[in-house]
Each structure stands twice: as structure tokens, then as C-alpha cells.
């Protein structure tokens, strides 16, 4: 089976961001610190190839996750963030998740000569201001 082609994601499209409910604060509401990189990016699913429910269930035990909808243009409008479609393959090298997409830029790979120590917190706050309503709330 061939691997899926990388596509350009339009600004008007949405990404689904799955977050474990066990890490939520007591009020179970979205908060800035929930936007986290895992292996160099914020991992999401593109709505073109996934639904919020499919994203929630992707790792099993869907009741352990809530899902936010992020609008791609709103992400790209935040200085330093980029969005890339990045379909994944399983351990056998076969196509696994056509919807997988990455948000890059929350964390810098290496500190610049003049580090902006508040950069990550500003980006997280801006993401939270734009995207703070659950698509699928915590159960």
C-alpha cells in the first residue's frame, strides 16, 4: 500500500487536538498549559480525514480524552507557529493515520543568542484565547 501524499491544509479547515482528561484542572476547562509538544510538535488530526470522535478514540479508551477544534488560519496567525499535514505509518511501515498533522513552533529547538523567555507562555496564552471551547468535553 502506498503512503499518503502530504497536502496543503487550507486556513479555513480545522484540526482536532486530543487531550487527556486526567491532566485537566479541577474545573475541567481548557487552560493555556494544555498546549504541549510531543516529539517536537503539537500532534493533531485534520478534519478532512478524521472526525473529533475518531481523534478521541485513536489511542483507545476514548473516555480518557477531550477534544478541542483548532482553526488552521488562527494557528498560523500566531507568530512562530506553522501547520503541516504529516500522515503517519505504523511500525510495519504501512499507512496508519492519514489525518495526522503537526503544529510546529511552540518550543524552539535550541535557545537563540537572545532567548525570549516568555515566548512559549505567550503562544500558549494566545492559543488558549483563540481555542478554549471543547469540541468533545471531558466525560
C-alpha atoms as a PDB file:
ATOM      1  CA  UNK A   1       0.000   0.000   0.000  1.00  0.00           C
ATOM      2  CA  UNK A   2       1.344   3.446  -0.904  1.00  0.00           C
ATOM      3  CA  UNK A   3       1.894   6.117   1.704  1.00  0.00           C
ATOM      4  CA  UNK A   4      -0.440   9.081   1.596  1.00  0.00           C
ATOM      5  CA  UNK A   5       0.681  12.292  -0.048  1.00  0.00           C
ATOM      6  CA  UNK A   6       1.313  15.356   2.109  1.00  0.00           C
ATOM      7  CA  UNK A   7      -1.271  18.037   1.309  1.00  0.00           C
ATOM      8  CA  UNK A   8      -1.555  21.766   1.993  1.00  0.00           C
ATOM      9  CA  UNK A   9      -4.143  22.389   4.727  1.00  0.00           C
ATOM     10  CA  UNK A  10      -6.373  25.424   3.988  1.00  0.00           C
ATOM     11  CA  UNK A  11      -6.597  28.161   6.630  1.00  0.00           C
ATOM     12  CA  UNK A  12     -10.362  27.638   6.885  1.00  0.00           C
ATOM     13  CA  UNK A  13     -10.036  23.960   7.875  1.00  0.00           C
ATOM     14  CA  UNK A  14      -9.937  22.589  11.415  1.00  0.00           C
ATOM     15  CA  UNK A  15      -7.595  20.356  13.349  1.00  0.00           C
ATOM     16  CA  UNK A  16      -8.682  18.194  16.272  1.00  0.00           C
ATOM     17  CA  UNK A  17      -6.437  18.237  19.346  1.00  0.00           C
ATOM     18  CA  UNK A  18      -6.894  15.361  21.804  1.00  0.00           C
ATOM     19  CA  UNK A  19      -6.036  15.991  25.444  1.00  0.00           C
ATOM     20  CA  UNK A  20      -6.064  13.544  28.403  1.00  0.00           C
ATOM     21  CA  UNK A  21      -8.737  14.477  30.946  1.00  0.00           C
ATOM     22  CA  UNK A  22      -6.607  13.162  33.825  1.00  0.00           C
ATOM     23  CA  UNK A  23      -4.288  16.156  33.413  1.00  0.00           C
ATOM     24  CA  UNK A  24      -7.086  18.746  33.499  1.00  0.00           C
ATOM     25  CA  UNK A  25      -7.547  21.088  36.433  1.00  0.00           C
ATOM     26  CA  UNK A  26     -10.486  20.567  38.805  1.00  0.00           C
ATOM     27  CA  UNK A  27     -12.801  22.797  36.708  1.00  0.00           C
ATOM     28  CA  UNK A  28     -12.070  20.570  33.651  1.00  0.00           C
ATOM     29  CA  UNK A  29     -11.871  23.633  31.388  1.00  0.00           C
ATOM     30  CA  UNK A  30      -9.211  24.257  28.725  1.00  0.00           C
ATOM     31  CA  UNK A  31      -6.153  26.139  30.050  1.00  0.00           C
ATOM     32  CA  UNK A  32      -3.033  27.584  28.353  1.00  0.00           C
ATOM     33  CA  UNK A  33      -0.629  24.911  29.623  1.00  0.00           C
ATOM     34  CA  UNK A  34      -2.575  22.145  27.890  1.00  0.00           C
ATOM     35  CA  UNK A  35      -0.926  23.060  24.585  1.00  0.00           C
ATOM     36  CA  UNK A  36       2.144  20.815  24.626  1.00  0.00           C
ATOM     37  CA  UNK A  37       4.609  19.460  22.161  1.00  0.00           C
ATOM     38  CA  UNK A  38       5.206  15.730  21.995  1.00  0.00           C
ATOM     39  CA  UNK A  39       8.274  14.676  19.969  1.00  0.00           C
ATOM     40  CA  UNK A  40       8.795  18.142  18.524  1.00  0.00           C
ATOM     41  CA  UNK A  41       5.245  19.212  17.648  1.00  0.00           C
ATOM     42  CA  UNK A  42       1.672  19.517  18.840  1.00  0.00           C
ATOM     43  CA  UNK A  43       0.027  16.456  17.313  1.00  0.00           C
ATOM     44  CA  UNK A  44      -3.433  16.897  15.775  1.00  0.00           C
ATOM     45  CA  UNK A  45      -5.790  15.355  13.201  1.00  0.00           C
ATOM     46  CA  UNK A  46      -7.055  17.202  10.116  1.00  0.00           C
ATOM     47  CA  UNK A  47     -10.849  17.293   9.792  1.00  0.00           C
ATOM     48  CA  UNK A  48     -10.572  16.326   6.120  1.00  0.00           C
ATOM     49  CA  UNK A  49      -9.638  12.787   7.132  1.00  0.00           C
ATOM     50  CA  UNK A  50     -10.917  12.481  10.693  1.00  0.00           C
ATOM     51  CA  UNK A  51     -13.808  13.363  12.953  1.00  0.00           C
ATOM     52  CA  UNK A  52     -13.498  14.576  16.523  1.00  0.00           C
ATOM     53  CA  UNK A  53     -14.781  11.193  17.709  1.00  0.00           C
ATOM     54  CA  UNK A  54     -12.181   9.311  15.637  1.00  0.00           C
ATOM     55  CA  UNK A  55      -9.443  11.544  17.036  1.00  0.00           C
ATOM     56  CA  UNK A  56     -10.697  10.947  20.575  1.00  0.00           C
ATOM     57  CA  UNK A  57     -10.695   7.162  20.088  1.00  0.00           C
ATOM     58  CA  UNK A  58      -7.403   6.898  18.203  1.00  0.00           C
ATOM     59  CA  UNK A  59      -5.425   5.631  21.218  1.00  0.00           C
ATOM     60  CA  UNK A  60      -8.216   3.571  22.750  1.00  0.00           C
ATOM     61  CA  UNK A  61     -10.240   4.292  25.873  1.00  0.00           C
ATOM     62  CA  UNK A  62     -11.863   7.434  24.438  1.00  0.00           C
ATOM     63  CA  UNK A  63     -13.401   8.337  27.805  1.00  0.00           C
ATOM     64  CA  UNK A  64      -9.893   9.354  28.893  1.00  0.00           C
ATOM     65  CA  UNK A  65      -9.765  12.212  26.364  1.00  0.00           C
ATOM     66  CA  UNK A  66     -11.429  15.503  25.486  1.00  0.00           C
ATOM     67  CA  UNK A  67     -11.025  17.201  22.080  1.00  0.00           C
ATOM     68  CA  UNK A  68     -10.562  20.828  21.009  1.00  0.00           C
ATOM     69  CA  UNK A  69     -11.209  22.153  17.489  1.00  0.00           C
ATOM     70  CA  UNK A  70      -8.415  24.452  16.258  1.00  0.00           C
ATOM     71  CA  UNK A  71      -8.874  26.584  13.124  1.00  0.00           C
ATOM     72  CA  UNK A  72      -5.736  26.419  10.957  1.00  0.00           C
ATOM     73  CA  UNK A  73      -5.751  30.116   9.999  1.00  0.00           C
ATOM     74  CA  UNK A  74      -5.952  31.060  13.671  1.00  0.00           C
ATOM     75  CA  UNK A  75      -2.940  28.897  14.426  1.00  0.00           C
ATOM     76  CA  UNK A  76      -0.906  30.317  11.539  1.00  0.00           C
ATOM     77  CA  UNK A  77      -1.769  33.856  12.673  1.00  0.00           C
ATOM     78  CA  UNK A  78       0.233  33.264  15.854  1.00  0.00           C
ATOM     79  CA  UNK A  79       3.808  34.412  15.311  1.00  0.00           C
ATOM     80  CA  UNK A  80       6.160  31.442  15.075  1.00  0.00           C
ATOM     81  CA  UNK A  81       3.588  28.665  14.558  1.00  0.00           C
ATOM     82  CA  UNK A  82       3.251  26.595  11.399  1.00  0.00           C
ATOM     83  CA  UNK A  83       0.907  23.760  10.453  1.00  0.00           C
ATOM     84  CA  UNK A  84       1.913  20.749   8.392  1.00  0.00           C
ATOM     85  CA  UNK A  85      -0.035  17.716   7.170  1.00  0.00           C
ATOM     86  CA  UNK A  86       2.063  14.713   8.156  1.00  0.00           C
ATOM     87  CA  UNK A  87       0.320  11.353   7.636  1.00  0.00           C
ATOM     88  CA  UNK A  88       1.823   8.603   9.766  1.00  0.00           C
ATOM     89  CA  UNK A  89       2.683   4.977   9.224  1.00  0.00           C
ATOM     90  CA  UNK A  90       2.677   2.076  11.682  1.00  0.00           C
ATOM     91  CA  UNK A  91       5.656   0.011  12.814  1.00  0.00           C
ATOM     92  CA  UNK A  92       5.363  -2.192   9.730  1.00  0.00           C
ATOM     93  CA  UNK A  93       5.712   0.902   7.527  1.00  0.00           C
ATOM     94  CA  UNK A  94       2.076   0.782   6.394  1.00  0.00           C
ATOM     95  CA  UNK A  95      -0.149   3.876   6.304  1.00  0.00           C
ATOM     96  CA  UNK A  96      -1.698   4.433   9.721  1.00  0.00           C
ATOM     97  CA  UNK A  97      -3.250   7.898  10.155  1.00  0.00           C
ATOM     98  CA  UNK A  98      -3.958   9.967   7.054  1.00  0.00           C
ATOM     99  CA  UNK A  99      -5.340  12.831   9.180  1.00  0.00           C
ATOM    100  CA  UNK A 100      -2.220  13.343  11.299  1.00  0.00           C
ATOM    101  CA  UNK A 101      -0.952  16.917  11.239  1.00  0.00           C
ATOM    102  CA  UNK A 102       1.635  18.823  13.256  1.00  0.00           C
ATOM    103  CA  UNK A 103       1.765  22.281  14.757  1.00  0.00           C
ATOM    104  CA  UNK A 104       5.387  23.384  14.936  1.00  0.00           C
ATOM    105  CA  UNK A 105       6.958  26.296  16.768  1.00  0.00           C
ATOM    106  CA  UNK A 106       5.763  26.194  20.362  1.00  0.00           C
ATOM    107  CA  UNK A 107       9.204  25.205  21.570  1.00  0.00           C
ATOM    108  CA  UNK A 108      12.381  26.290  19.865  1.00  0.00           C
ATOM    109  CA  UNK A 109      14.889  23.507  19.047  1.00  0.00           C
ATOM    110  CA  UNK A 110      17.801  25.385  20.642  1.00  0.00           C
ATOM    111  CA  UNK A 111      17.949  28.627  22.619  1.00  0.00           C
ATOM    112  CA  UNK A 112      18.744  31.624  20.406  1.00  0.00           C
ATOM    113  CA  UNK A 113      21.511  34.060  21.317  1.00  0.00           C
ATOM    114  CA  UNK A 114      18.914  36.359  22.933  1.00  0.00           C
ATOM    115  CA  UNK A 115      16.291  33.999  24.314  1.00  0.00           C
ATOM    116  CA  UNK A 116      12.719  35.216  24.659  1.00  0.00           C
ATOM    117  CA  UNK A 117      11.941  33.539  27.972  1.00  0.00           C
ATOM    118  CA  UNK A 118       8.220  34.322  27.875  1.00  0.00           C
ATOM    119  CA  UNK A 119       7.687  33.199  24.267  1.00  0.00           C
ATOM    120  CA  UNK A 120       6.205  29.772  24.994  1.00  0.00           C
ATOM    121  CA  UNK A 121       3.791  31.157  27.593  1.00  0.00           C
ATOM    122  CA  UNK A 122       2.664  33.922  25.196  1.00  0.00           C
ATOM    123  CA  UNK A 123       1.996  31.379  22.438  1.00  0.00           C
ATOM    124  CA  UNK A 124       0.103  29.091  24.819  1.00  0.00           C
ATOM    125  CA  UNK A 125      -1.972  32.032  26.057  1.00  0.00           C
ATOM    126  CA  UNK A 126      -2.800  33.084  22.507  1.00  0.00           C
ATOM    127  CA  UNK A 127      -3.778  29.520  21.538  1.00  0.00           C
ATOM    128  CA  UNK A 128      -5.996  29.366  24.621  1.00  0.00           C
ATOM    129  CA  UNK A 129      -7.617  32.728  23.841  1.00  0.00           C
ATOM    130  CA  UNK A 130      -8.481  31.536  20.332  1.00  0.00           C
ATOM    131  CA  UNK A 131      -9.394  27.925  21.146  1.00  0.00           C
ATOM    132  CA  UNK A 132     -10.983  27.419  24.552  1.00  0.00           C
ATOM    133  CA  UNK A 133     -14.219  25.542  23.883  1.00  0.00           C
ATOM    134  CA  UNK A 134     -14.338  21.753  23.877  1.00  0.00           C
ATOM    135  CA  UNK A 135     -15.475  20.021  20.672  1.00  0.00           C
ATOM    136  CA  UNK A 136     -15.892  16.919  22.837  1.00  0.00           C
ATOM    137  CA  UNK A 137     -15.896  17.865  26.536  1.00  0.00           C
ATOM    138  CA  UNK A 138     -14.398  15.698  29.265  1.00  0.00           C
ATOM    139  CA  UNK A 139     -16.734  12.857  30.166  1.00  0.00           C
END
